[in-house]
């Protein structure tokens, strides 16, 4: 694998992390607001914040695992800097 392909895969994973953050936070906010509206008799904001926080935490965990798996699978010899005499 060339370094350009490695960088491209990292960029794709990084971009996917941002999409994952957006989707999970919005879904958490939506589910929290629906549950707050249906079960708490009136609109309360704290279930929305809890849902958004859970979405953020899940997205962070997924992103961390994805990037760590990629970075730990790369060949460490590629990153060696050689000094020229």
PDB file of N, CA and C in Angstrom:
ATOM      1  N   UNK A   1       0.833  -1.184   0.000  1.00  0.00           N
ATOM      2  CA  UNK A   1       0.000   0.000   0.000  1.00  0.00           C
ATOM      3  C   UNK A   1       0.879   1.248   0.000  1.00  0.00           C
ATOM      4  N   UNK A   2       0.543   2.187  -0.831  1.00  0.00           N
ATOM      5  CA  UNK A   2       1.345   3.412  -0.843  1.00  0.00           C
ATOM      6  C   UNK A   2       0.869   4.349   0.258  1.00  0.00           C
ATOM      7  N   UNK A   3       1.698   5.357   0.543  1.00  0.00           N
ATOM      8  CA  UNK A   3       1.336   6.298   1.602  1.00  0.00           C
ATOM      9  C   UNK A   3       0.142   7.146   1.211  1.00  0.00           C
ATOM     10  N   UNK A   4      -0.046   7.377  -0.089  1.00  0.00           N
ATOM     11  CA  UNK A   4      -1.203   8.170  -0.520  1.00  0.00           C
ATOM     12  C   UNK A   4      -2.497   7.429  -0.204  1.00  0.00           C
ATOM     13  N   UNK A   5      -2.510   6.120  -0.449  1.00  0.00           N
ATOM     14  CA  UNK A   5      -3.708   5.335  -0.143  1.00  0.00           C
ATOM     15  C   UNK A   5      -3.950   5.287   1.359  1.00  0.00           C
ATOM     16  N   UNK A   6      -2.875   5.195   2.146  1.00  0.00           N
ATOM     17  CA  UNK A   6      -3.033   5.193   3.598  1.00  0.00           C
ATOM     18  C   UNK A   6      -3.656   6.502   4.072  1.00  0.00           C
ATOM     19  N   UNK A   7      -3.157   7.611   3.545  1.00  0.00           N
ATOM     20  CA  UNK A   7      -3.691   8.910   3.919  1.00  0.00           C
ATOM     21  C   UNK A   7      -5.143   9.059   3.499  1.00  0.00           C
ATOM     22  N   UNK A   8      -5.483   8.505   2.347  1.00  0.00           N
ATOM     23  CA  UNK A   8      -6.846   8.602   1.857  1.00  0.00           C
ATOM     24  C   UNK A   8      -7.795   7.810   2.765  1.00  0.00           C
ATOM     25  N   UNK A   9      -7.378   6.643   3.194  1.00  0.00           N
ATOM     26  CA  UNK A   9      -8.214   5.846   4.080  1.00  0.00           C
ATOM     27  C   UNK A   9      -8.413   6.563   5.416  1.00  0.00           C
ATOM     28  N   UNK A  10      -7.353   7.191   5.915  1.00  0.00           N
ATOM     29  CA  UNK A  10      -7.476   7.939   7.166  1.00  0.00           C
ATOM     30  C   UNK A  10      -8.434   9.113   6.993  1.00  0.00           C
ATOM     31  N   UNK A  11      -8.337   9.815   5.860  1.00  0.00           N
ATOM     32  CA  UNK A  11      -9.248  10.937   5.603  1.00  0.00           C
ATOM     33  C   UNK A  11     -10.693  10.461   5.519  1.00  0.00           C
ATOM     34  N   UNK A  12     -10.905   9.317   4.878  1.00  0.00           N
ATOM     35  CA  UNK A  12     -12.265   8.778   4.781  1.00  0.00           C
ATOM     36  C   UNK A  12     -12.814   8.417   6.158  1.00  0.00           C
ATOM     37  N   UNK A  13     -11.985   7.818   6.986  1.00  0.00           N
ATOM     38  CA  UNK A  13     -12.431   7.468   8.335  1.00  0.00           C
ATOM     39  C   UNK A  13     -12.707   8.717   9.163  1.00  0.00           C
ATOM     40  N   UNK A  14     -11.862   9.726   9.005  1.00  0.00           N
ATOM     41  CA  UNK A  14     -12.021  10.975   9.749  1.00  0.00           C
ATOM     42  C   UNK A  14     -13.309  11.680   9.335  1.00  0.00           C
ATOM     43  N   UNK A  15     -13.578  11.715   8.039  1.00  0.00           N
ATOM     44  CA  UNK A  15     -14.814  12.310   7.534  1.00  0.00           C
ATOM     45  C   UNK A  15     -16.025  11.527   8.019  1.00  0.00           C
ATOM     46  N   UNK A  16     -15.925  10.212   8.005  1.00  0.00           N
ATOM     47  CA  UNK A  16     -17.031   9.378   8.487  1.00  0.00           C
ATOM     48  C   UNK A  16     -17.297   9.633   9.965  1.00  0.00           C
ATOM     49  N   UNK A  17     -16.262   9.982  10.728  1.00  0.00           N
ATOM     50  CA  UNK A  17     -16.448  10.300  12.151  1.00  0.00           C
ATOM     51  C   UNK A  17     -17.318  11.537  12.317  1.00  0.00           C
ATOM     52  N   UNK A  18     -17.088  12.570  11.512  1.00  0.00           N
ATOM     53  CA  UNK A  18     -17.896  13.776  11.609  1.00  0.00           C
ATOM     54  C   UNK A  18     -19.355  13.506  11.242  1.00  0.00           C
ATOM     55  N   UNK A  19     -19.568  12.689  10.208  1.00  0.00           N
ATOM     56  CA  UNK A  19     -20.935  12.335   9.819  1.00  0.00           C
ATOM     57  C   UNK A  19     -21.598  11.538  10.941  1.00  0.00           C
ATOM     58  N   UNK A  20     -20.843  10.617  11.537  1.00  0.00           N
ATOM     59  CA  UNK A  20     -21.361   9.803  12.633  1.00  0.00           C
ATOM     60  C   UNK A  20     -21.723  10.676  13.835  1.00  0.00           C
ATOM     61  N   UNK A  21     -20.870  11.656  14.169  1.00  0.00           N
ATOM     62  CA  UNK A  21     -21.166  12.580  15.261  1.00  0.00           C
ATOM     63  C   UNK A  21     -22.484  13.303  15.010  1.00  0.00           C
ATOM     64  N   UNK A  22     -22.631  13.859  13.810  1.00  0.00           N
ATOM     65  CA  UNK A  22     -23.846  14.604  13.490  1.00  0.00           C
ATOM     66  C   UNK A  22     -25.100  13.758  13.566  1.00  0.00           C
ATOM     67  N   UNK A  23     -25.029  12.571  12.989  1.00  0.00           N
ATOM     68  CA  UNK A  23     -26.216  11.709  12.981  1.00  0.00           C
ATOM     69  C   UNK A  23     -26.590  11.232  14.377  1.00  0.00           C
ATOM     70  N   UNK A  24     -25.599  10.821  15.161  1.00  0.00           N
ATOM     71  CA  UNK A  24     -25.911  10.283  16.484  1.00  0.00           C
ATOM     72  C   UNK A  24     -26.378  11.372  17.450  1.00  0.00           C
ATOM     73  N   UNK A  25     -25.797  12.558  17.362  1.00  0.00           N
ATOM     74  CA  UNK A  25     -26.233  13.644  18.243  1.00  0.00           C
ATOM     75  C   UNK A  25     -27.658  14.059  17.880  1.00  0.00           C
ATOM     76  N   UNK A  26     -27.935  14.215  16.584  1.00  0.00           N
ATOM     77  CA  UNK A  26     -29.294  14.604  16.170  1.00  0.00           C
ATOM     78  C   UNK A  26     -30.323  13.533  16.528  1.00  0.00           C
ATOM     79  N   UNK A  27     -29.964  12.277  16.340  1.00  0.00           N
ATOM     80  CA  UNK A  27     -30.876  11.196  16.700  1.00  0.00           C
ATOM     81  C   UNK A  27     -31.121  11.173  18.202  1.00  0.00           C
ATOM     82  N   UNK A  28     -30.072  11.369  18.986  1.00  0.00           N
ATOM     83  CA  UNK A  28     -30.230  11.415  20.441  1.00  0.00           C
ATOM     84  C   UNK A  28     -31.104  12.572  20.888  1.00  0.00           C
ATOM     85  N   UNK A  29     -30.910  13.733  20.262  1.00  0.00           N
ATOM     86  CA  UNK A  29     -31.751  14.890  20.589  1.00  0.00           C
ATOM     87  C   UNK A  29     -33.211  14.619  20.227  1.00  0.00           C
ATOM     88  N   UNK A  30     -33.436  14.018  19.075  1.00  0.00           N
ATOM     89  CA  UNK A  30     -34.797  13.728  18.630  1.00  0.00           C
ATOM     90  C   UNK A  30     -35.469  12.709  19.540  1.00  0.00           C
ATOM     91  N   UNK A  31     -34.782  11.626  19.836  1.00  0.00           N
ATOM     92  CA  UNK A  31     -35.366  10.605  20.708  1.00  0.00           C
ATOM     93  C   UNK A  31     -35.597  11.161  22.106  1.00  0.00           C
ATOM     94  N   UNK A  32     -34.661  11.951  22.607  1.00  0.00           N
ATOM     95  CA  UNK A  32     -34.832  12.556  23.924  1.00  0.00           C
ATOM     96  C   UNK A  32     -36.024  13.495  23.974  1.00  0.00           C
ATOM     97  N   UNK A  33     -36.214  14.289  22.921  1.00  0.00           N
ATOM     98  CA  UNK A  33     -37.346  15.211  22.929  1.00  0.00           C
ATOM     99  C   UNK A  33     -38.672  14.462  22.799  1.00  0.00           C
ATOM    100  N   UNK A  34     -38.691  13.383  22.004  1.00  0.00           N
ATOM    101  CA  UNK A  34     -39.915  12.595  21.885  1.00  0.00           C
ATOM    102  C   UNK A  34     -40.254  11.905  23.200  1.00  0.00           C
ATOM    103  N   UNK A  35     -39.264  11.305  23.828  1.00  0.00           N
ATOM    104  CA  UNK A  35     -39.528  10.639  25.107  1.00  0.00           C
ATOM    105  C   UNK A  35     -39.933  11.646  26.178  1.00  0.00           C
ATOM    106  N   UNK A  36     -39.306  12.801  26.175  1.00  0.00           N
ATOM    107  CA  UNK A  36     -39.669  13.839  27.136  1.00  0.00           C
ATOM    108  C   UNK A  36     -41.078  14.342  26.913  1.00  0.00           C
ATOM    109  N   UNK A  37     -41.482  14.473  25.660  1.00  0.00           N
ATOM    110  CA  UNK A  37     -42.820  14.957  25.350  1.00  0.00           C
ATOM    111  C   UNK A  37     -43.901  13.933  25.650  1.00  0.00           C
ATOM    112  N   UNK A  38     -43.617  12.664  25.392  1.00  0.00           N
ATOM    113  CA  UNK A  38     -44.643  11.639  25.585  1.00  0.00           C
ATOM    114  C   UNK A  38     -44.769  11.181  27.031  1.00  0.00           C
ATOM    115  N   UNK A  39     -43.654  11.024  27.706  1.00  0.00           N
ATOM    116  CA  UNK A  39     -43.697  10.393  29.025  1.00  0.00           C
ATOM    117  C   UNK A  39     -43.642  11.365  30.195  1.00  0.00           C
ATOM    118  N   UNK A  40     -43.249  12.592  29.968  1.00  0.00           N
ATOM    119  CA  UNK A  40     -43.102  13.517  31.089  1.00  0.00           C
ATOM    120  C   UNK A  40     -44.189  14.596  31.123  1.00  0.00           C
ATOM    121  N   UNK A  41     -45.241  14.430  30.333  1.00  0.00           N
ATOM    122  CA  UNK A  41     -46.391  15.352  30.309  1.00  0.00           C
ATOM    123  C   UNK A  41     -45.958  16.801  30.171  1.00  0.00           C
ATOM    124  N   UNK A  42     -45.507  17.114  29.032  1.00  0.00           N
ATOM    125  CA  UNK A  42     -45.035  18.465  28.782  1.00  0.00           C
ATOM    126  C   UNK A  42     -43.627  18.419  28.244  1.00  0.00           C
ATOM    127  N   UNK A  43     -43.243  19.501  27.696  1.00  0.00           N
ATOM    128  CA  UNK A  43     -41.930  19.557  27.064  1.00  0.00           C
ATOM    129  C   UNK A  43     -40.867  19.900  28.092  1.00  0.00           C
ATOM    130  N   UNK A  44     -39.997  18.963  28.338  1.00  0.00           N
ATOM    131  CA  UNK A  44     -38.849  19.172  29.224  1.00  0.00           C
ATOM    132  C   UNK A  44     -37.580  19.092  28.383  1.00  0.00           C
ATOM    133  N   UNK A  45     -36.598  19.885  28.743  1.00  0.00           N
ATOM    134  CA  UNK A  45     -35.372  19.912  27.935  1.00  0.00           C
ATOM    135  C   UNK A  45     -34.333  18.889  28.384  1.00  0.00           C
ATOM    136  N   UNK A  46     -34.348  18.450  29.630  1.00  0.00           N
ATOM    137  CA  UNK A  46     -33.259  17.592  30.086  1.00  0.00           C
ATOM    138  C   UNK A  46     -33.203  16.243  29.382  1.00  0.00           C
ATOM    139  N   UNK A  47     -34.325  15.610  28.978  1.00  0.00           N
ATOM    140  CA  UNK A  47     -34.164  14.351  28.229  1.00  0.00           C
ATOM    141  C   UNK A  47     -33.467  14.556  26.882  1.00  0.00           C
ATOM    142  N   UNK A  48     -33.692  15.734  26.279  1.00  0.00           N
ATOM    143  CA  UNK A  48     -33.038  16.047  25.021  1.00  0.00           C
ATOM    144  C   UNK A  48     -31.522  16.142  25.218  1.00  0.00           C
ATOM    145  N   UNK A  49     -31.116  16.805  26.287  1.00  0.00           N
ATOM    146  CA  UNK A  49     -29.680  16.948  26.560  1.00  0.00           C
ATOM    147  C   UNK A  49     -29.039  15.602  26.880  1.00  0.00           C
ATOM    148  N   UNK A  50     -29.743  14.764  27.601  1.00  0.00           N
ATOM    149  CA  UNK A  50     -29.213  13.431  27.909  1.00  0.00           C
ATOM    150  C   UNK A  50     -29.077  12.612  26.625  1.00  0.00           C
ATOM    151  N   UNK A  51     -30.093  12.668  25.758  1.00  0.00           N
ATOM    152  CA  UNK A  51     -30.029  11.949  24.479  1.00  0.00           C
ATOM    153  C   UNK A  51     -28.886  12.439  23.609  1.00  0.00           C
ATOM    154  N   UNK A  52     -28.699  13.764  23.544  1.00  0.00           N
ATOM    155  CA  UNK A  52     -27.586  14.310  22.759  1.00  0.00           C
ATOM    156  C   UNK A  52     -26.241  13.915  23.340  1.00  0.00           C
ATOM    157  N   UNK A  53     -26.142  13.904  24.662  1.00  0.00           N
ATOM    158  CA  UNK A  53     -24.898  13.498  25.314  1.00  0.00           C
ATOM    159  C   UNK A  53     -24.581  12.031  25.084  1.00  0.00           C
ATOM    160  N   UNK A  54     -25.611  11.189  25.129  1.00  0.00           N
ATOM    161  CA  UNK A  54     -25.396   9.768  24.845  1.00  0.00           C
ATOM    162  C   UNK A  54     -24.977   9.562  23.396  1.00  0.00           C
ATOM    163  N   UNK A  55     -25.611  10.292  22.481  1.00  0.00           N
ATOM    164  CA  UNK A  55     -25.227  10.204  21.071  1.00  0.00           C
ATOM    165  C   UNK A  55     -23.788  10.639  20.859  1.00  0.00           C
ATOM    166  N   UNK A  56     -23.381  11.730  21.534  1.00  0.00           N
ATOM    167  CA  UNK A  56     -22.005  12.206  21.432  1.00  0.00           C
ATOM    168  C   UNK A  56     -21.032  11.155  21.961  1.00  0.00           C
ATOM    169  N   UNK A  57     -21.346  10.561  23.102  1.00  0.00           N
ATOM    170  CA  UNK A  57     -20.463   9.559  23.695  1.00  0.00           C
ATOM    171  C   UNK A  57     -20.317   8.320  22.828  1.00  0.00           C
ATOM    172  N   UNK A  58     -21.418   7.862  22.253  1.00  0.00           N
ATOM    173  CA  UNK A  58     -21.365   6.683  21.390  1.00  0.00           C
ATOM    174  C   UNK A  58     -20.568   6.993  20.127  1.00  0.00           C
ATOM    175  N   UNK A  59     -20.792   8.168  19.543  1.00  0.00           N
ATOM    176  CA  UNK A  59     -20.057   8.546  18.333  1.00  0.00           C
ATOM    177  C   UNK A  59     -18.563   8.693  18.625  1.00  0.00           C
ATOM    178  N   UNK A  60     -18.228   9.269  19.767  1.00  0.00           N
ATOM    179  CA  UNK A  60     -16.817   9.419  20.147  1.00  0.00           C
ATOM    180  C   UNK A  60     -16.147   8.055  20.295  1.00  0.00           C
ATOM    181  N   UNK A  61     -16.831   7.134  20.935  1.00  0.00           N
ATOM    182  CA  UNK A  61     -16.283   5.792  21.125  1.00  0.00           C
ATOM    183  C   UNK A  61     -16.074   5.088  19.783  1.00  0.00           C
ATOM    184  N   UNK A  62     -17.059   5.182  18.891  1.00  0.00           N
ATOM    185  CA  UNK A  62     -16.925   4.560  17.570  1.00  0.00           C
ATOM    186  C   UNK A  62     -15.780   5.173  16.783  1.00  0.00           C
ATOM    187  N   UNK A  63     -15.662   6.493  16.835  1.00  0.00           N
ATOM    188  CA  UNK A  63     -14.605   7.187  16.096  1.00  0.00           C
ATOM    189  C   UNK A  63     -13.229   6.819  16.656  1.00  0.00           C
ATOM    190  N   UNK A  64     -13.122   6.790  17.959  1.00  0.00           N
ATOM    191  CA  UNK A  64     -11.843   6.441  18.586  1.00  0.00           C
ATOM    192  C   UNK A  64     -11.416   5.025  18.206  1.00  0.00           C
ATOM    193  N   UNK A  65     -12.357   4.087  18.228  1.00  0.00           N
ATOM    194  CA  UNK A  65     -12.032   2.711  17.853  1.00  0.00           C
ATOM    195  C   UNK A  65     -11.629   2.615  16.386  1.00  0.00           C
ATOM    196  N   UNK A  66     -12.351   3.311  15.517  1.00  0.00           N
ATOM    197  CA  UNK A  66     -12.051   3.258  14.092  1.00  0.00           C
ATOM    198  C   UNK A  66     -10.665   3.819  13.795  1.00  0.00           C
ATOM    199  N   UNK A  67     -10.361   4.989  14.347  1.00  0.00           N
ATOM    200  CA  UNK A  67      -9.060   5.603  14.076  1.00  0.00           C
ATOM    201  C   UNK A  67      -7.922   4.842  14.739  1.00  0.00           C
ATOM    202  N   UNK A  68      -8.127   4.346  15.953  1.00  0.00           N
ATOM    203  CA  UNK A  68      -7.069   3.578  16.617  1.00  0.00           C
ATOM    204  C   UNK A  68      -6.791   2.274  15.890  1.00  0.00           C
ATOM    205  N   UNK A  69      -7.834   1.587  15.416  1.00  0.00           N
ATOM    206  CA  UNK A  69      -7.612   0.350  14.668  1.00  0.00           C
ATOM    207  C   UNK A  69      -6.809   0.616  13.406  1.00  0.00           C
ATOM    208  N   UNK A  70      -7.107   1.729  12.731  1.00  0.00           N
ATOM    209  CA  UNK A  70      -6.353   2.056  11.520  1.00  0.00           C
ATOM    210  C   UNK A  70      -4.908   2.412  11.854  1.00  0.00           C
ATOM    211  N   UNK A  71      -4.706   3.257  12.862  1.00  0.00           N
ATOM    212  CA  UNK A  71      -3.352   3.712  13.173  1.00  0.00           C
ATOM    213  C   UNK A  71      -2.487   2.596  13.747  1.00  0.00           C
ATOM    214  N   UNK A  72      -3.069   1.696  14.508  1.00  0.00           N
ATOM    215  CA  UNK A  72      -2.280   0.595  15.065  1.00  0.00           C
ATOM    216  C   UNK A  72      -1.986  -0.476  14.032  1.00  0.00           C
ATOM    217  N   UNK A  73      -2.761  -0.521  12.949  1.00  0.00           N
ATOM    218  CA  UNK A  73      -2.537  -1.525  11.908  1.00  0.00           C
ATOM    219  C   UNK A  73      -1.489  -1.074  10.899  1.00  0.00           C
ATOM    220  N   UNK A  74      -1.127   0.203  10.901  1.00  0.00           N
ATOM    221  CA  UNK A  74      -0.137   0.680   9.933  1.00  0.00           C
ATOM    222  C   UNK A  74       1.259   0.213  10.338  1.00  0.00           C
ATOM    223  N   UNK A  75       2.132   0.187   9.370  1.00  0.00           N
ATOM    224  CA  UNK A  75       3.506  -0.242   9.601  1.00  0.00           C
ATOM    225  C   UNK A  75       4.278   0.892  10.264  1.00  0.00           C
ATOM    226  N   UNK A  76       4.806   0.675  11.476  1.00  0.00           N
ATOM    227  CA  UNK A  76       5.505   1.774  12.147  1.00  0.00           C
ATOM    228  C   UNK A  76       6.818   2.158  11.470  1.00  0.00           C
ATOM    229  N   UNK A  77       7.363   1.291  10.634  1.00  0.00           N
ATOM    230  CA  UNK A  77       8.615   1.603   9.959  1.00  0.00           C
ATOM    231  C   UNK A  77       8.440   2.715   8.934  1.00  0.00           C
ATOM    232  N   UNK A  78       7.216   2.925   8.460  1.00  0.00           N
ATOM    233  CA  UNK A  78       6.958   3.971   7.478  1.00  0.00           C
ATOM    234  C   UNK A  78       7.170   5.344   8.101  1.00  0.00           C
ATOM    235  N   UNK A  79       6.944   5.469   9.402  1.00  0.00           N
ATOM    236  CA  UNK A  79       6.996   6.761  10.079  1.00  0.00           C
ATOM    237  C   UNK A  79       8.389   7.127  10.609  1.00  0.00           C
ATOM    238  N   UNK A  80       9.394   6.317  10.341  1.00  0.00           N
ATOM    239  CA  UNK A  80      10.732   6.565  10.846  1.00  0.00           C
ATOM    240  C   UNK A  80      11.365   7.713  10.061  1.00  0.00           C
ATOM    241  N   UNK A  81      11.928   8.681  10.773  1.00  0.00           N
ATOM    242  CA  UNK A  81      12.617   9.798  10.138  1.00  0.00           C
ATOM    243  C   UNK A  81      14.117   9.512  10.171  1.00  0.00           C
ATOM    244  N   UNK A  82      14.717   9.508   9.006  1.00  0.00           N
ATOM    245  CA  UNK A  82      16.146   9.208   8.919  1.00  0.00           C
ATOM    246  C   UNK A  82      16.915  10.517   8.851  1.00  0.00           C
ATOM    247  N   UNK A  83      17.959  10.598   9.653  1.00  0.00           N
ATOM    248  CA  UNK A  83      18.832  11.777   9.617  1.00  0.00           C
ATOM    249  C   UNK A  83      19.887  11.581   8.544  1.00  0.00           C
ATOM    250  N   UNK A  84      20.110  12.647   7.811  1.00  0.00           N
ATOM    251  CA  UNK A  84      21.162  12.590   6.799  1.00  0.00           C
ATOM    252  C   UNK A  84      22.459  13.130   7.408  1.00  0.00           C
ATOM    253  N   UNK A  85      23.561  12.449   7.176  1.00  0.00           N
ATOM    254  CA  UNK A  85      24.821  12.916   7.779  1.00  0.00           C
ATOM    255  C   UNK A  85      25.382  14.143   7.118  1.00  0.00           C
TER     256      UNK A  85
END
